[in-house]
C-alpha cells in the first residue's frame, strides 16, 4: 500500500479529515525521522513528541469523562484503574494497529530496519500524537467524538480491564526480546453445553509449558493464559532478585 493511500485510509478510519495536513504528518513523524529528514524545520515541528505529550492529557480527560458518565456509582479507585487500563501502552497500540497507523509511520532508517512500525511503544505514542493533532486541528468537541467512537466498544465489555489489555501481545514482545521466540497456544479441552462452553488453553515457549487457563471463548482463554504466564514470569524474576 502506498503512503498516500495509507494516510487517506487512516483518516477515514479515524473518522476525521485534517484541515492542516502538516499536523497530521507531524503526528506520524517519529524522532528518528525528524532527525534524519526534517532538520530544516523548527525543533518543535520535527517529530511527534510534543504532540504525544498533549495527546496523553487530552485522552486522560476524555476517557475520564466517559467513565464518569458510564459508571456513575463507582469509586474513584475503580475509575482510576479502568482509565489506566484504557490508556496503557498495550491498549493504545492495539487501537493504533486496528486503524492502520503502522502503515503510515514516518521512521528513520534504523527504526525501519528494526521493524519500528510494529513496536507497541512507537504505535501508542503515535496514537496519542494523532489525538493531539485532531484537538489542535478541529477542537475539543470533534476530538471527544473520535475518542468516544474508538473506545466505546471496549467500554461496553463486561470485563473492561481484560478488553483493554492485550496480554498476548505483551507476552509475545517479552519472549521475542529475551529469547527470539514466539509463544504458541494449544486448546487442551473444552467442556460444558454448547451454549455455555468453557475452553482450556495452554501457552508454551517451544516445548515448555508456561501457563494454562480457561475462558468462555478460545480467545479469552488465550488471553487469560498469557496473563498467567506473565504473572509467573514476573514472580520468578522477583525471586531471583
Protein backbone atom coordinates (compact mmCIF):
# COMPACT_ATOMS: atom_id res chain seq x y z
CA UNK A 1 0.00 0.00 0.00
CA UNK A 2 1.34 3.43 -0.98
CA UNK A 3 1.94 6.03 1.74
CA UNK A 4 -0.72 8.35 0.31
CA UNK A 5 -3.33 5.58 0.19
CA UNK A 6 -2.45 4.51 3.73
CA UNK A 7 -2.77 8.03 5.16
CA UNK A 8 -6.09 8.61 3.38
CA UNK A 9 -7.39 5.32 4.78
CA UNK A 10 -6.17 6.24 8.26
CA UNK A 11 -8.16 9.48 8.20
CA UNK A 12 -11.22 7.50 7.10
CA UNK A 13 -10.70 5.05 9.95
CA UNK A 14 -10.28 7.90 12.43
CA UNK A 15 -13.45 9.49 11.13
CA UNK A 16 -11.68 12.83 10.86
CA UNK A 17 -10.33 14.76 7.86
CA UNK A 18 -7.49 17.12 8.73
CA UNK A 19 -7.66 20.74 7.66
CA UNK A 20 -3.98 21.29 8.46
CA UNK A 21 -2.23 18.27 6.92
CA UNK A 22 1.09 19.31 8.48
CA UNK A 23 -0.30 18.43 11.93
CA UNK A 24 -1.35 15.01 10.66
CA UNK A 25 2.10 14.23 9.27
CA UNK A 26 3.86 15.61 12.35
CA UNK A 27 1.84 13.20 14.48
CA UNK A 28 3.18 10.33 12.34
CA UNK A 29 6.81 11.54 12.39
CA UNK A 30 8.99 9.57 14.79
CA UNK A 31 12.03 11.23 16.37
CA UNK A 32 14.34 9.20 14.14
CA UNK A 33 12.63 10.51 11.01
CA UNK A 34 12.78 14.10 12.17
CA UNK A 35 16.47 13.79 12.96
CA UNK A 36 17.28 12.42 9.52
CA UNK A 37 14.91 14.31 7.24
CA UNK A 38 13.37 17.34 8.96
CA UNK A 39 16.38 19.29 10.20
CA UNK A 40 15.15 22.31 8.21
CA UNK A 41 12.08 22.63 10.45
CA UNK A 42 11.96 24.25 13.91
CA UNK A 43 12.73 21.71 16.65
CA UNK A 44 9.12 21.79 17.87
CA UNK A 45 7.88 20.56 14.47
CA UNK A 46 10.40 17.84 13.64
CA UNK A 47 8.70 14.95 15.39
CA UNK A 48 5.60 13.93 17.33
CA UNK A 49 7.00 14.13 20.88
CA UNK A 50 5.29 17.41 21.82
CA UNK A 51 2.02 16.21 20.31
CA UNK A 52 2.34 12.97 22.27
CA UNK A 53 2.64 15.00 25.48
CA UNK A 54 -0.56 16.90 24.71
CA UNK A 55 -2.42 13.86 23.43
CA UNK A 56 -1.76 11.98 26.66
CA UNK A 57 -3.52 14.73 28.62
CA UNK A 58 -6.44 15.00 26.17
CA UNK A 59 -7.01 11.24 26.25
CA UNK A 60 -6.98 11.20 30.05
CA UNK A 61 -9.63 13.92 30.14
CA UNK A 62 -11.96 12.35 27.57
CA UNK A 63 -11.67 8.82 28.95
CA UNK A 64 -12.26 10.14 32.48
CA UNK A 65 -15.44 11.88 31.35
CA UNK A 66 -16.68 8.79 29.50
CA UNK A 67 -16.09 6.59 32.54
CA UNK A 68 -17.76 9.06 34.90
CA UNK A 69 -20.83 9.06 32.67
CA UNK A 70 -20.97 5.29 32.30
CA UNK A 71 -20.15 4.35 35.92
CA UNK A 72 -21.95 6.98 37.97
CA UNK A 73 -21.91 4.98 41.20
CA UNK A 74 -18.30 3.75 41.03
CA UNK A 75 -15.48 4.80 43.32
CA UNK A 76 -12.52 6.97 42.34
CA UNK A 77 -10.21 3.98 42.78
CA UNK A 78 -12.24 1.81 40.42
CA UNK A 79 -12.43 4.57 37.80
CA UNK A 80 -8.70 5.21 38.06
CA UNK A 81 -7.99 1.53 37.45
CA UNK A 82 -10.19 1.45 34.36
CA UNK A 83 -8.67 4.64 32.98
CA UNK A 84 -5.16 3.28 33.49
CA UNK A 85 -6.13 0.12 31.61
CA UNK A 86 -7.72 2.14 28.82
CA UNK A 87 -4.71 4.35 28.15
CA UNK A 88 -1.89 1.89 28.79
CA UNK A 89 0.67 1.26 26.07
CA UNK A 90 -0.73 -2.11 25.02
CA UNK A 91 -4.31 -0.86 24.57
CA UNK A 92 -3.30 2.26 22.64
CA UNK A 93 -1.01 0.21 20.41
CA UNK A 94 -3.84 -2.24 19.72
CA UNK A 95 -6.16 0.58 18.66
CA UNK A 96 -3.40 2.09 16.53
CA UNK A 97 -2.90 -1.25 14.75
CA UNK A 98 -6.64 -1.57 14.12
CA UNK A 99 -6.60 1.87 12.47
CA UNK A 100 -3.59 1.05 10.29
CA UNK A 101 -1.21 3.54 11.90
CA UNK A 102 1.68 1.11 11.34
CA UNK A 103 1.38 1.64 7.58
CA UNK A 104 1.66 5.42 7.89
CA UNK A 105 4.53 5.94 10.33
CA UNK A 106 7.47 8.03 9.20
CA UNK A 107 10.61 6.40 10.60
CA UNK A 108 14.35 6.85 10.26
CA UNK A 109 16.40 4.16 8.53
CA UNK A 110 17.42 2.44 11.76
CA UNK A 111 13.86 2.15 13.05
CA UNK A 112 12.68 0.90 9.67
CA UNK A 113 15.28 -1.88 9.76
CA UNK A 114 14.33 -2.87 13.31
CA UNK A 115 10.61 -3.08 12.43
CA UNK A 116 9.78 0.04 14.41
CA UNK A 117 6.35 0.25 12.80
CA UNK A 118 5.35 -2.82 14.83
CA UNK A 119 6.70 -1.64 18.21
CA UNK A 120 3.97 -1.03 20.78
CA UNK A 121 5.84 1.94 22.25
CA UNK A 122 6.03 3.76 18.90
CA UNK A 123 2.44 2.91 17.94
CA UNK A 124 0.98 4.05 21.27
CA UNK A 125 2.93 7.32 21.22
CA UNK A 126 1.88 7.99 17.65
CA UNK A 127 -1.76 7.37 18.54
CA UNK A 128 -1.53 9.92 21.37
CA UNK A 129 0.07 12.36 18.94
CA UNK A 130 -2.80 11.84 16.47
CA UNK A 131 -5.33 12.66 19.19
CA UNK A 132 -3.45 15.88 19.94
CA UNK A 133 -3.30 16.73 16.24
CA UNK A 134 -7.08 16.32 15.95
CA UNK A 135 -7.52 18.51 19.05
CA UNK A 136 -5.35 21.29 17.61
CA UNK A 137 -6.88 20.99 14.15
CA UNK A 138 -10.57 20.64 15.00
CA UNK A 139 -11.09 21.45 18.66
CA UNK A 140 -12.18 19.52 21.73
CA UNK A 141 -15.69 18.59 20.59
CA UNK A 142 -14.51 16.75 17.49
CA UNK A 143 -11.68 15.11 19.41
CA UNK A 144 -14.18 13.89 22.02
CA UNK A 145 -16.33 12.33 19.30
CA UNK A 146 -13.36 10.49 17.77
CA UNK A 147 -12.16 9.13 21.12
CA UNK A 148 -15.68 8.15 22.18
CA UNK A 149 -16.22 6.20 18.97
CA UNK A 150 -12.86 4.41 19.14
CA UNK A 151 -13.15 3.45 22.81
CA UNK A 152 -16.89 2.76 23.08
CA UNK A 153 -16.60 -0.92 22.01
CA UNK A 154 -14.22 -1.51 24.92
CA UNK A 155 -16.38 0.40 27.39
CA UNK A 156 -19.30 -1.91 26.63
CA UNK A 157 -17.40 -5.06 27.60
CA UNK A 158 -18.18 -6.74 30.91
CA UNK A 159 -14.51 -7.21 31.77
CA UNK A 160 -13.10 -3.79 30.90
CA UNK A 161 -9.60 -4.46 32.14
CA UNK A 162 -9.24 -7.58 30.03
CA UNK A 163 -10.74 -5.89 26.99
CA UNK A 164 -8.17 -3.10 27.14
CA UNK A 165 -5.06 -5.10 27.96
CA UNK A 166 -3.67 -7.34 25.23
CA UNK A 167 -1.75 -9.88 27.32
CA UNK A 168 -0.92 -11.99 24.26
CA UNK A 169 0.91 -9.09 22.65
CA UNK A 170 2.74 -8.31 25.90
CA UNK A 171 3.87 -11.93 26.27
CA UNK A 172 4.96 -12.18 22.64
CA UNK A 173 7.02 -8.98 22.89
CA UNK A 174 8.66 -10.22 26.10
CA UNK A 175 9.59 -13.64 24.67
CA UNK A 176 10.80 -12.08 21.43
CA UNK A 177 13.00 -9.62 23.32
CA UNK A 178 14.52 -12.25 25.64
CA UNK A 179 14.70 -15.40 23.53
CA UNK A 180 13.58 -14.53 19.98
CA UNK A 181 10.73 -17.00 20.47
CA UNK A 182 7.02 -16.64 19.68
CA UNK A 183 4.65 -18.28 22.18
CA UNK A 184 2.17 -20.89 20.92
CA UNK A 185 -1.34 -21.60 22.21
CA UNK A 186 -2.89 -25.06 22.38
CA UNK A 187 -6.51 -25.99 23.10
CA UNK A 188 -6.33 -28.71 25.76
CA UNK A 189 -10.03 -29.40 26.10
CA UNK A 190 -13.47 -27.83 26.07
CA UNK A 191 -16.32 -28.62 28.41
CA UNK A 192 -19.92 -27.70 29.13
CA UNK A 193 -23.07 -27.40 27.00
CA UNK A 194 -22.89 -25.82 23.55
CA UNK A 195 -24.48 -22.56 24.69
CA UNK A 196 -22.10 -22.17 27.65
CA UNK A 197 -18.80 -23.86 26.87
CA UNK A 198 -15.53 -23.43 28.75
CA UNK A 199 -12.26 -23.62 26.84
CA UNK A 200 -8.97 -24.71 28.44
CA UNK A 201 -5.83 -23.40 26.73
CA UNK A 202 -2.14 -23.91 27.36
CA UNK A 203 0.57 -21.44 26.30
CA UNK A 204 4.07 -22.75 25.59
CA UNK A 205 7.55 -21.43 24.95
CA UNK A 206 8.66 -24.02 22.40
CA UNK A 207 8.02 -27.26 24.35
CA UNK A 208 7.95 -25.61 27.80
CA UNK A 209 4.52 -25.06 29.34
CA UNK A 210 4.28 -21.51 30.67
CA UNK A 211 0.69 -21.49 31.93
CA UNK A 212 -2.80 -22.88 31.48
CA UNK A 213 -6.11 -21.05 31.81
CA UNK A 214 -9.75 -21.21 30.83
CA UNK A 215 -12.29 -18.85 29.32
CA UNK A 216 -15.74 -18.65 27.78
CA UNK A 217 -14.10 -18.50 24.32
CA UNK A 218 -10.78 -19.63 22.87
CA UNK A 219 -9.74 -16.00 22.50
CA UNK A 220 -10.49 -15.22 26.14
CA UNK A 221 -8.79 -18.41 27.31
CA UNK A 222 -5.64 -17.50 25.36
CA UNK A 223 -5.63 -14.00 26.89
CA UNK A 224 -6.03 -15.49 30.37
CA UNK A 225 -3.22 -17.99 29.73
CA UNK A 226 -0.92 -15.20 28.55
CA UNK A 227 -1.80 -13.16 31.64
CA UNK A 228 -0.96 -16.11 33.91
CA UNK A 229 2.33 -16.68 32.09
CA UNK A 230 3.31 -13.03 32.56
CA UNK A 231 2.46 -13.22 36.27
CA UNK A 232 4.55 -16.39 36.71
CA UNK A 233 7.49 -14.86 34.86
CA UNK A 234 7.33 -11.69 36.95
CA UNK A 235 7.23 -13.74 40.16
CA UNK A 236 10.24 -15.79 39.03
CA UNK A 237 12.19 -12.59 38.26
CA UNK A 238 11.42 -11.22 41.74
CA UNK A 239 12.56 -14.46 43.37
CA UNK A 240 15.90 -14.27 41.54
CA UNK A 241 16.38 -10.70 42.77
